[in-house]
Amino acid sequence: MSQSKIAVITGAGRGVGRNTALKLAADGVGVVITYRSSSTDAEAAAAEAQAAGVTAVALELDVDQVGTFPAFVDTLRAALQRQWGREDFDFLVNNAGIGIAAPFAETTEAQFDALFSTHVKGVFFLTQALLPLIADGGAIVNISSGLTRFVGAGQSAYATAKGAVEVLTRYLAKELGPRGIRVNAVAPGATGTDFGGGALRDNDQVRRYLSQVTALGRVGEPDDIGGAIVSLLSDGSRWITAQRIEASGGMNL
């Protein structure tokens, strides 16, 4: 990959999204980092990407607000033209998400709607809105979860939303195949980020337990997931599409 390529990564100010953006930058790919609330984190990530020698911009985007997508597309189109002299981009990583945990019997409609609005409706309609800007021969990676294969306490609504993302991934791969656009899903296992309050990063007891049920003997880190995402975007994965790739270190086998 080279800076002739451009990637848009949602929710890339922190965690897995940030790691993915910086890995792409290290490979010479220009990056558009979107953020919902923390422009400081996003601008810092963009500055670090620029330090790697690529062009990078940070743009505000709330994937929960479908009504804002047309304005975002206009903003992105202007940024592509201004920064790269292009009308399109090559890679889309639908990474932005929220975590809400509750037992099935106690999950509220508001919690369910929030999860589906971000993880399903947002991914569906943002990808749809961006289709005219995605270059033929490009690639999309959607972020799913290991929780679509194994069960975690309090994760029924979240995992159901991610299951929908995996189905959508296959449909997109079929419908966008004629344009040469590959679509895959990466399903992380337990990963040490600030997602969902940061317990997987900060709680030693939780990390010890999860390490015991993971074949490779530790909790995942953003670097593990970012690497998987970047590998699926690379030309070496050009014959891989419609796949769910679990990056969990062999969790709950």
C-alpha atoms as a PDB file:
ATOM      1  CA  MET A   1       0.000   0.000   0.000  1.00  0.00           C
ATOM      2  CA  SER A   2       1.106   3.562  -0.626  1.00  0.00           C
ATOM      3  CA  GLN A   3      -0.033   7.126  -0.182  1.00  0.00           C
ATOM      4  CA  SER A   4      -1.802   6.859  -3.487  1.00  0.00           C
ATOM      5  CA  LYS A   5      -4.367   5.103  -1.272  1.00  0.00           C
ATOM      6  CA  ILE A   6      -6.694   6.821   1.207  1.00  0.00           C
ATOM      7  CA  ALA A   7      -8.626   5.275   4.097  1.00  0.00           C
ATOM      8  CA  VAL A   8     -11.589   6.576   6.100  1.00  0.00           C
ATOM      9  CA  ILE A   9     -11.702   5.121   9.631  1.00  0.00           C
ATOM     10  CA  THR A  10     -14.655   5.938  11.862  1.00  0.00           C
ATOM     11  CA  GLY A  11     -14.105   6.425  15.568  1.00  0.00           C
ATOM     12  CA  ALA A  12     -10.347   6.595  15.074  1.00  0.00           C
ATOM     13  CA  GLY A  13      -9.329   8.991  17.816  1.00  0.00           C
ATOM     14  CA  ARG A  14      -8.699   6.180  20.286  1.00  0.00           C
ATOM     15  CA  GLY A  15      -8.335   2.446  20.663  1.00  0.00           C
ATOM     16  CA  VAL A  16      -8.581   0.074  17.726  1.00  0.00           C
ATOM     17  CA  GLY A  17      -9.527   2.817  15.260  1.00  0.00           C
ATOM     18  CA  ARG A  18      -6.515   4.913  16.174  1.00  0.00           C
ATOM     19  CA  ASN A  19      -4.193   1.922  15.947  1.00  0.00           C
ATOM     20  CA  THR A  20      -5.600   1.065  12.533  1.00  0.00           C
ATOM     21  CA  ALA A  21      -5.117   4.620  11.276  1.00  0.00           C
ATOM     22  CA  LEU A  22      -1.511   4.714  12.445  1.00  0.00           C
ATOM     23  CA  LYS A  23      -0.731   1.300  10.985  1.00  0.00           C
ATOM     24  CA  LEU A  24      -2.136   2.414   7.649  1.00  0.00           C
ATOM     25  CA  ALA A  25      -0.112   5.615   7.850  1.00  0.00           C
ATOM     26  CA  ALA A  26       3.027   3.576   8.493  1.00  0.00           C
ATOM     27  CA  ASP A  27       2.230   1.730   5.256  1.00  0.00           C
ATOM     28  CA  GLY A  28       1.977   5.030   3.394  1.00  0.00           C
ATOM     29  CA  VAL A  29      -1.828   5.253   3.290  1.00  0.00           C
ATOM     30  CA  GLY A  30      -3.434   8.666   3.776  1.00  0.00           C
ATOM     31  CA  VAL A  31      -6.060   8.637   6.522  1.00  0.00           C
ATOM     32  CA  VAL A  32      -9.294  10.409   7.356  1.00  0.00           C
ATOM     33  CA  ILE A  33      -9.920  10.039  11.076  1.00  0.00           C
ATOM     34  CA  THR A  34     -13.484  10.604  12.223  1.00  0.00           C
ATOM     35  CA  TYR A  35     -14.529  11.384  15.779  1.00  0.00           C
ATOM     36  CA  ARG A  36     -17.791  11.998  17.607  1.00  0.00           C
ATOM     37  CA  SER A  37     -16.776  14.120  20.580  1.00  0.00           C
ATOM     38  CA  SER A  38     -13.028  14.315  21.211  1.00  0.00           C
ATOM     39  CA  SER A  39     -11.453  16.475  18.544  1.00  0.00           C
ATOM     40  CA  THR A  40      -8.303  16.600  20.697  1.00  0.00           C
ATOM     41  CA  ASP A  41      -7.744  12.831  20.438  1.00  0.00           C
ATOM     42  CA  ALA A  42      -8.531  12.810  16.726  1.00  0.00           C
ATOM     43  CA  GLU A  43      -6.245  15.741  15.933  1.00  0.00           C
ATOM     44  CA  ALA A  44      -3.449  14.093  17.923  1.00  0.00           C
ATOM     45  CA  ALA A  45      -3.898  10.868  15.961  1.00  0.00           C
ATOM     46  CA  ALA A  46      -3.885  12.806  12.693  1.00  0.00           C
ATOM     47  CA  ALA A  47      -0.699  14.618  13.742  1.00  0.00           C
ATOM     48  CA  GLU A  48       0.976  11.300  14.527  1.00  0.00           C
ATOM     49  CA  ALA A  49      -0.082   9.934  11.146  1.00  0.00           C
ATOM     50  CA  GLN A  50       1.355  13.020   9.457  1.00  0.00           C
ATOM     51  CA  ALA A  51       4.593  12.493  11.339  1.00  0.00           C
ATOM     52  CA  ALA A  52       4.774   9.124   9.582  1.00  0.00           C
ATOM     53  CA  GLY A  53       4.881  11.000   6.305  1.00  0.00           C
ATOM     54  CA  VAL A  54       1.299  10.837   5.040  1.00  0.00           C
ATOM     55  CA  THR A  55      -1.540  13.300   4.694  1.00  0.00           C
ATOM     56  CA  ALA A  56      -4.137  12.969   7.458  1.00  0.00           C
ATOM     57  CA  VAL A  57      -7.258  14.889   8.459  1.00  0.00           C
ATOM     58  CA  ALA A  58      -9.712  14.650  11.366  1.00  0.00           C
ATOM     59  CA  LEU A  59     -13.424  15.142  10.637  1.00  0.00           C
ATOM     60  CA  GLU A  60     -16.374  15.172  13.010  1.00  0.00           C
ATOM     61  CA  LEU A  61     -18.950  12.417  12.490  1.00  0.00           C
ATOM     62  CA  ASP A  62     -21.600  10.908  14.752  1.00  0.00           C
ATOM     63  CA  VAL A  63     -22.559   7.567  13.204  1.00  0.00           C
ATOM     64  CA  ASP A  64     -25.692   7.601  15.365  1.00  0.00           C
ATOM     65  CA  GLN A  65     -27.060  10.617  13.441  1.00  0.00           C
ATOM     66  CA  VAL A  66     -28.003   9.446   9.958  1.00  0.00           C
ATOM     67  CA  GLY A  67     -29.435  12.852   9.106  1.00  0.00           C
ATOM     68  CA  THR A  68     -25.928  14.353   9.251  1.00  0.00           C
ATOM     69  CA  PHE A  69     -24.471  11.972   6.667  1.00  0.00           C
ATOM     70  CA  PRO A  70     -25.147  14.095   3.550  1.00  0.00           C
ATOM     71  CA  ALA A  71     -23.292  17.042   5.106  1.00  0.00           C
ATOM     72  CA  PHE A  72     -20.449  14.714   6.142  1.00  0.00           C
ATOM     73  CA  VAL A  73     -20.170  13.414   2.583  1.00  0.00           C
ATOM     74  CA  ASP A  74     -19.867  16.989   1.332  1.00  0.00           C
ATOM     75  CA  THR A  75     -17.208  17.763   3.957  1.00  0.00           C
ATOM     76  CA  LEU A  76     -15.298  14.597   3.099  1.00  0.00           C
ATOM     77  CA  ARG A  77     -15.474  15.275  -0.625  1.00  0.00           C
ATOM     78  CA  ALA A  78     -14.038  18.744  -0.069  1.00  0.00           C
ATOM     79  CA  ALA A  79     -11.257  17.363   2.144  1.00  0.00           C
ATOM     80  CA  LEU A  80     -10.335  14.720  -0.436  1.00  0.00           C
ATOM     81  CA  GLN A  81     -10.097  17.345  -3.146  1.00  0.00           C
ATOM     82  CA  ARG A  82      -8.197  19.821  -0.981  1.00  0.00           C
ATOM     83  CA  GLN A  83      -5.727  17.428   0.646  1.00  0.00           C
ATOM     84  CA  TRP A  84      -5.236  14.771  -2.018  1.00  0.00           C
ATOM     85  CA  GLY A  85      -6.615  16.194  -5.250  1.00  0.00           C
ATOM     86  CA  ARG A  86      -8.978  13.240  -5.510  1.00  0.00           C
ATOM     87  CA  GLU A  87     -12.731  12.739  -5.718  1.00  0.00           C
ATOM     88  CA  ASP A  88     -12.731   9.351  -4.018  1.00  0.00           C
ATOM     89  CA  PHE A  89     -11.019   7.137  -1.421  1.00  0.00           C
ATOM     90  CA  ASP A  90     -10.039   3.480  -1.279  1.00  0.00           C
ATOM     91  CA  PHE A  91     -10.739   1.961   2.131  1.00  0.00           C
ATOM     92  CA  LEU A  92     -13.577   2.300   4.635  1.00  0.00           C
ATOM     93  CA  VAL A  93     -13.280   0.921   8.162  1.00  0.00           C
ATOM     94  CA  ASN A  94     -16.588   0.995  10.025  1.00  0.00           C
ATOM     95  CA  ASN A  95     -15.069   0.968  13.504  1.00  0.00           C
ATOM     96  CA  ALA A  96     -17.042   3.483  15.595  1.00  0.00           C
ATOM     97  CA  GLY A  97     -19.193   1.899  18.268  1.00  0.00           C
ATOM     98  CA  ILE A  98     -20.600   1.962  21.769  1.00  0.00           C
ATOM     99  CA  GLY A  99     -20.793  -0.642  24.506  1.00  0.00           C
ATOM    100  CA  ILE A 100     -23.881  -1.227  26.641  1.00  0.00           C
ATOM    101  CA  ALA A 101     -24.061  -4.307  28.852  1.00  0.00           C
ATOM    102  CA  ALA A 102     -27.259  -5.550  30.488  1.00  0.00           C
ATOM    103  CA  PRO A 103     -28.874  -8.952  31.115  1.00  0.00           C
ATOM    104  CA  PHE A 104     -31.457  -9.851  28.476  1.00  0.00           C
ATOM    105  CA  ALA A 105     -34.324  -9.578  30.974  1.00  0.00           C
ATOM    106  CA  GLU A 106     -33.253  -6.073  31.971  1.00  0.00           C
ATOM    107  CA  THR A 107     -32.276  -4.602  28.597  1.00  0.00           C
ATOM    108  CA  THR A 108     -34.368  -1.523  27.865  1.00  0.00           C
ATOM    109  CA  GLU A 109     -35.748  -0.451  24.529  1.00  0.00           C
ATOM    110  CA  ALA A 110     -33.591   2.670  24.735  1.00  0.00           C
ATOM    111  CA  GLN A 111     -30.428   0.580  25.218  1.00  0.00           C
ATOM    112  CA  PHE A 112     -31.416  -1.722  22.343  1.00  0.00           C
ATOM    113  CA  ASP A 113     -32.168   1.229  20.058  1.00  0.00           C
ATOM    114  CA  ALA A 114     -28.871   2.941  20.919  1.00  0.00           C
ATOM    115  CA  LEU A 115     -26.861  -0.166  20.043  1.00  0.00           C
ATOM    116  CA  PHE A 116     -28.687  -0.814  16.786  1.00  0.00           C
ATOM    117  CA  SER A 117     -28.651   2.851  15.785  1.00  0.00           C
ATOM    118  CA  THR A 118     -24.860   2.982  16.019  1.00  0.00           C
ATOM    119  CA  HIS A 119     -23.772  -0.502  15.028  1.00  0.00           C
ATOM    120  CA  VAL A 120     -26.357  -1.412  12.391  1.00  0.00           C
ATOM    121  CA  LYS A 121     -28.308   1.596  11.121  1.00  0.00           C
ATOM    122  CA  GLY A 122     -25.252   3.839  11.220  1.00  0.00           C
ATOM    123  CA  VAL A 123     -23.009   1.351   9.420  1.00  0.00           C
ATOM    124  CA  PHE A 124     -25.701   0.579   6.848  1.00  0.00           C
ATOM    125  CA  PHE A 125     -26.539   4.150   5.889  1.00  0.00           C
ATOM    126  CA  LEU A 126     -23.047   5.620   6.239  1.00  0.00           C
ATOM    127  CA  THR A 127     -21.690   3.003   3.859  1.00  0.00           C
ATOM    128  CA  GLN A 128     -24.603   3.700   1.518  1.00  0.00           C
ATOM    129  CA  ALA A 129     -23.924   7.448   1.645  1.00  0.00           C
ATOM    130  CA  LEU A 130     -20.222   6.939   0.953  1.00  0.00           C
ATOM    131  CA  LEU A 131     -20.653   4.532  -1.978  1.00  0.00           C
ATOM    132  CA  PRO A 132     -20.200   7.238  -4.625  1.00  0.00           C
ATOM    133  CA  LEU A 133     -16.859   8.174  -3.032  1.00  0.00           C
ATOM    134  CA  ILE A 134     -15.437   4.651  -2.631  1.00  0.00           C
ATOM    135  CA  ALA A 135     -13.127   3.823  -5.522  1.00  0.00           C
ATOM    136  CA  ASP A 136     -13.716   0.740  -7.620  1.00  0.00           C
ATOM    137  CA  GLY A 137     -11.308  -1.940  -6.462  1.00  0.00           C
ATOM    138  CA  GLY A 138     -11.413  -0.639  -2.887  1.00  0.00           C
ATOM    139  CA  ALA A 139     -12.184  -2.467   0.331  1.00  0.00           C
ATOM    140  CA  ILE A 140     -14.443  -2.192   3.374  1.00  0.00           C
ATOM    141  CA  VAL A 141     -13.868  -3.704   6.803  1.00  0.00           C
ATOM    142  CA  ASN A 142     -16.738  -3.767   9.287  1.00  0.00           C
ATOM    143  CA  ILE A 143     -16.027  -4.398  12.950  1.00  0.00           C
ATOM    144  CA  SER A 144     -18.011  -7.224  14.492  1.00  0.00           C
ATOM    145  CA  SER A 145     -17.269  -9.089  17.724  1.00  0.00           C
ATOM    146  CA  GLY A 146     -16.202 -12.474  19.003  1.00  0.00           C
ATOM    147  CA  LEU A 147     -19.479 -12.319  20.929  1.00  0.00           C
ATOM    148  CA  THR A 148     -21.336 -13.413  17.801  1.00  0.00           C
ATOM    149  CA  ARG A 149     -19.669 -16.835  18.239  1.00  0.00           C
ATOM    150  CA  PHE A 150     -19.383 -17.182  22.021  1.00  0.00           C
ATOM    151  CA  VAL A 151     -21.632 -15.812  24.749  1.00  0.00           C
ATOM    152  CA  GLY A 152     -20.684 -13.071  27.212  1.00  0.00           C
ATOM    153  CA  ALA A 153     -22.743 -12.018  30.199  1.00  0.00           C
ATOM    154  CA  GLY A 154     -24.991  -9.047  29.523  1.00  0.00           C
ATOM    155  CA  GLN A 155     -24.148  -8.820  25.822  1.00  0.00           C
ATOM    156  CA  SER A 156     -27.296 -10.120  24.111  1.00  0.00           C
ATOM    157  CA  ALA A 157     -28.283  -6.826  22.463  1.00  0.00           C
ATOM    158  CA  TYR A 158     -24.728  -5.840  21.532  1.00  0.00           C
ATOM    159  CA  ALA A 159     -23.969  -9.264  20.057  1.00  0.00           C
ATOM    160  CA  THR A 160     -27.260  -9.326  18.142  1.00  0.00           C
ATOM    161  CA  ALA A 161     -26.353  -5.980  16.578  1.00  0.00           C
ATOM    162  CA  LYS A 162     -22.945  -7.319  15.601  1.00  0.00           C
ATOM    163  CA  GLY A 163     -24.594 -10.414  14.138  1.00  0.00           C
ATOM    164  CA  ALA A 164     -26.532  -8.082  11.864  1.00  0.00           C
ATOM    165  CA  VAL A 165     -23.240  -6.444  10.834  1.00  0.00           C
ATOM    166  CA  GLU A 166     -21.910  -9.844   9.749  1.00  0.00           C
ATOM    167  CA  VAL A 167     -24.983 -10.515   7.601  1.00  0.00           C
ATOM    168  CA  LEU A 168     -24.718  -7.023   6.096  1.00  0.00           C
ATOM    169  CA  THR A 169     -21.055  -7.705   5.332  1.00  0.00           C
ATOM    170  CA  ARG A 170     -21.964 -10.664   3.131  1.00  0.00           C
ATOM    171  CA  TYR A 171     -24.677  -8.738   1.315  1.00  0.00           C
ATOM    172  CA  LEU A 172     -22.334  -5.813   0.654  1.00  0.00           C
ATOM    173  CA  ALA A 173     -19.665  -8.192  -0.640  1.00  0.00           C
ATOM    174  CA  LYS A 174     -22.174  -9.618  -3.115  1.00  0.00           C
ATOM    175  CA  GLU A 175     -23.637  -6.303  -4.244  1.00  0.00           C
ATOM    176  CA  LEU A 176     -20.347  -4.411  -4.468  1.00  0.00           C
ATOM    177  CA  GLY A 177     -18.412  -7.285  -6.023  1.00  0.00           C
ATOM    178  CA  PRO A 178     -19.057  -6.056  -9.581  1.00  0.00           C
ATOM    179  CA  ARG A 179     -17.149  -2.884  -8.664  1.00  0.00           C
ATOM    180  CA  GLY A 180     -14.249  -4.926  -7.353  1.00  0.00           C
ATOM    181  CA  ILE A 181     -14.916  -3.745  -3.791  1.00  0.00           C
ATOM    182  CA  ARG A 182     -14.143  -6.366  -1.154  1.00  0.00           C
ATOM    183  CA  VAL A 183     -16.094  -6.390   2.131  1.00  0.00           C
ATOM    184  CA  ASN A 184     -15.065  -8.323   5.225  1.00  0.00           C
ATOM    185  CA  ALA A 185     -15.714  -8.265   8.958  1.00  0.00           C
ATOM    186  CA  VAL A 186     -13.110  -8.429  11.731  1.00  0.00           C
ATOM    187  CA  ALA A 187     -14.432  -9.866  14.984  1.00  0.00           C
ATOM    188  CA  PRO A 188     -12.210  -8.951  17.960  1.00  0.00           C
ATOM    189  CA  GLY A 189     -12.218 -10.922  21.174  1.00  0.00           C
ATOM    190  CA  ALA A 190     -11.522  -9.288  24.522  1.00  0.00           C
ATOM    191  CA  THR A 191      -9.322  -6.277  23.758  1.00  0.00           C
ATOM    192  CA  GLY A 192      -7.683  -3.866  26.186  1.00  0.00           C
ATOM    193  CA  THR A 193      -9.164  -0.473  25.247  1.00  0.00           C
ATOM    194  CA  ASP A 194     -11.328   2.103  27.011  1.00  0.00           C
ATOM    195  CA  PHE A 195     -14.390   0.624  25.279  1.00  0.00           C
ATOM    196  CA  GLY A 196     -17.263  -0.099  27.658  1.00  0.00           C
ATOM    197  CA  GLY A 197     -15.549   1.630  30.559  1.00  0.00           C
ATOM    198  CA  GLY A 198     -12.072   0.170  30.088  1.00  0.00           C
ATOM    199  CA  ALA A 199     -12.389  -2.945  32.273  1.00  0.00           C
ATOM    200  CA  LEU A 200     -10.609  -5.090  29.686  1.00  0.00           C
ATOM    201  CA  ARG A 201      -7.686  -2.671  29.832  1.00  0.00           C
ATOM    202  CA  ASP A 202      -7.585  -1.776  33.521  1.00  0.00           C
ATOM    203  CA  ASN A 203      -9.103  -4.582  35.616  1.00  0.00           C
ATOM    204  CA  ASP A 204      -6.372  -7.124  36.397  1.00  0.00           C
ATOM    205  CA  GLN A 205      -8.833  -9.712  37.688  1.00  0.00           C
ATOM    206  CA  VAL A 206     -10.879  -9.553  34.477  1.00  0.00           C
ATOM    207  CA  ARG A 207      -7.732  -9.707  32.356  1.00  0.00           C
ATOM    208  CA  ARG A 208      -6.436 -12.765  34.250  1.00  0.00           C
ATOM    209  CA  TYR A 209      -9.700 -14.622  33.777  1.00  0.00           C
ATOM    210  CA  LEU A 210      -9.912 -13.838  30.081  1.00  0.00           C
ATOM    211  CA  SER A 211      -6.281 -14.818  29.575  1.00  0.00           C
ATOM    212  CA  GLN A 212      -7.110 -18.247  31.001  1.00  0.00           C
ATOM    213  CA  VAL A 213      -9.855 -18.854  28.432  1.00  0.00           C
ATOM    214  CA  THR A 214      -7.782 -17.660  25.465  1.00  0.00           C
ATOM    215  CA  ALA A 215      -5.599 -20.123  23.573  1.00  0.00           C
ATOM    216  CA  LEU A 216      -2.724 -17.663  23.209  1.00  0.00           C
ATOM    217  CA  GLY A 217      -2.860 -16.885  26.916  1.00  0.00           C
ATOM    218  CA  ARG A 218      -3.511 -13.146  27.073  1.00  0.00           C
ATOM    219  CA  VAL A 219      -6.028 -10.404  26.406  1.00  0.00           C
ATOM    220  CA  GLY A 220      -5.834  -8.781  22.998  1.00  0.00           C
ATOM    221  CA  GLU A 221      -4.478  -5.268  22.484  1.00  0.00           C
ATOM    222  CA  PRO A 222      -5.401  -2.632  19.868  1.00  0.00           C
ATOM    223  CA  ASP A 223      -2.220  -3.517  17.973  1.00  0.00           C
ATOM    224  CA  ASP A 224      -3.520  -7.059  17.460  1.00  0.00           C
ATOM    225  CA  ILE A 225      -6.801  -5.889  15.951  1.00  0.00           C
ATOM    226  CA  GLY A 226      -5.364  -3.033  13.908  1.00  0.00           C
ATOM    227  CA  GLY A 227      -2.959  -5.466  12.298  1.00  0.00           C
ATOM    228  CA  ALA A 228      -5.797  -7.781  11.279  1.00  0.00           C
ATOM    229  CA  ILE A 229      -7.788  -4.908   9.768  1.00  0.00           C
ATOM    230  CA  VAL A 230      -4.829  -3.583   7.792  1.00  0.00           C
ATOM    231  CA  SER A 231      -4.003  -7.057   6.482  1.00  0.00           C
ATOM    232  CA  LEU A 232      -7.528  -7.405   5.099  1.00  0.00           C
ATOM    233  CA  LEU A 233      -7.225  -4.067   3.327  1.00  0.00           C
ATOM    234  CA  SER A 234      -3.893  -4.983   1.764  1.00  0.00           C
ATOM    235  CA  ASP A 235      -3.411  -6.327  -1.731  1.00  0.00           C
ATOM    236  CA  GLY A 236      -2.282  -9.614  -0.235  1.00  0.00           C
ATOM    237  CA  SER A 237      -5.918 -10.188   0.770  1.00  0.00           C
ATOM    238  CA  ARG A 238      -7.295  -9.248  -2.639  1.00  0.00           C
ATOM    239  CA  TRP A 239      -9.090 -12.613  -3.022  1.00  0.00           C
ATOM    240  CA  ILE A 240     -10.766 -12.479   0.390  1.00  0.00           C
ATOM    241  CA  THR A 241     -14.294 -11.110   0.589  1.00  0.00           C
ATOM    242  CA  ALA A 242     -17.540 -11.808   2.487  1.00  0.00           C
ATOM    243  CA  GLN A 243     -15.567 -13.297   5.386  1.00  0.00           C
ATOM    244  CA  ARG A 244     -15.768 -12.988   9.150  1.00  0.00           C
ATOM    245  CA  ILE A 245     -12.210 -13.029  10.466  1.00  0.00           C
ATOM    246  CA  GLU A 246     -12.051 -13.511  14.220  1.00  0.00           C
ATOM    247  CA  ALA A 247      -9.080 -11.840  15.911  1.00  0.00           C
ATOM    248  CA  SER A 248      -9.415 -13.187  19.435  1.00  0.00           C
ATOM    249  CA  GLY A 249      -6.261 -15.185  20.125  1.00  0.00           C
ATOM    250  CA  GLY A 250      -8.447 -18.283  20.264  1.00  0.00           C
ATOM    251  CA  MET A 251     -10.866 -17.119  22.947  1.00  0.00           C
ATOM    252  CA  ASN A 252     -13.381 -19.624  24.329  1.00  0.00           C
ATOM    253  CA  LEU A 253     -12.429 -22.455  22.027  1.00  0.00           C
END
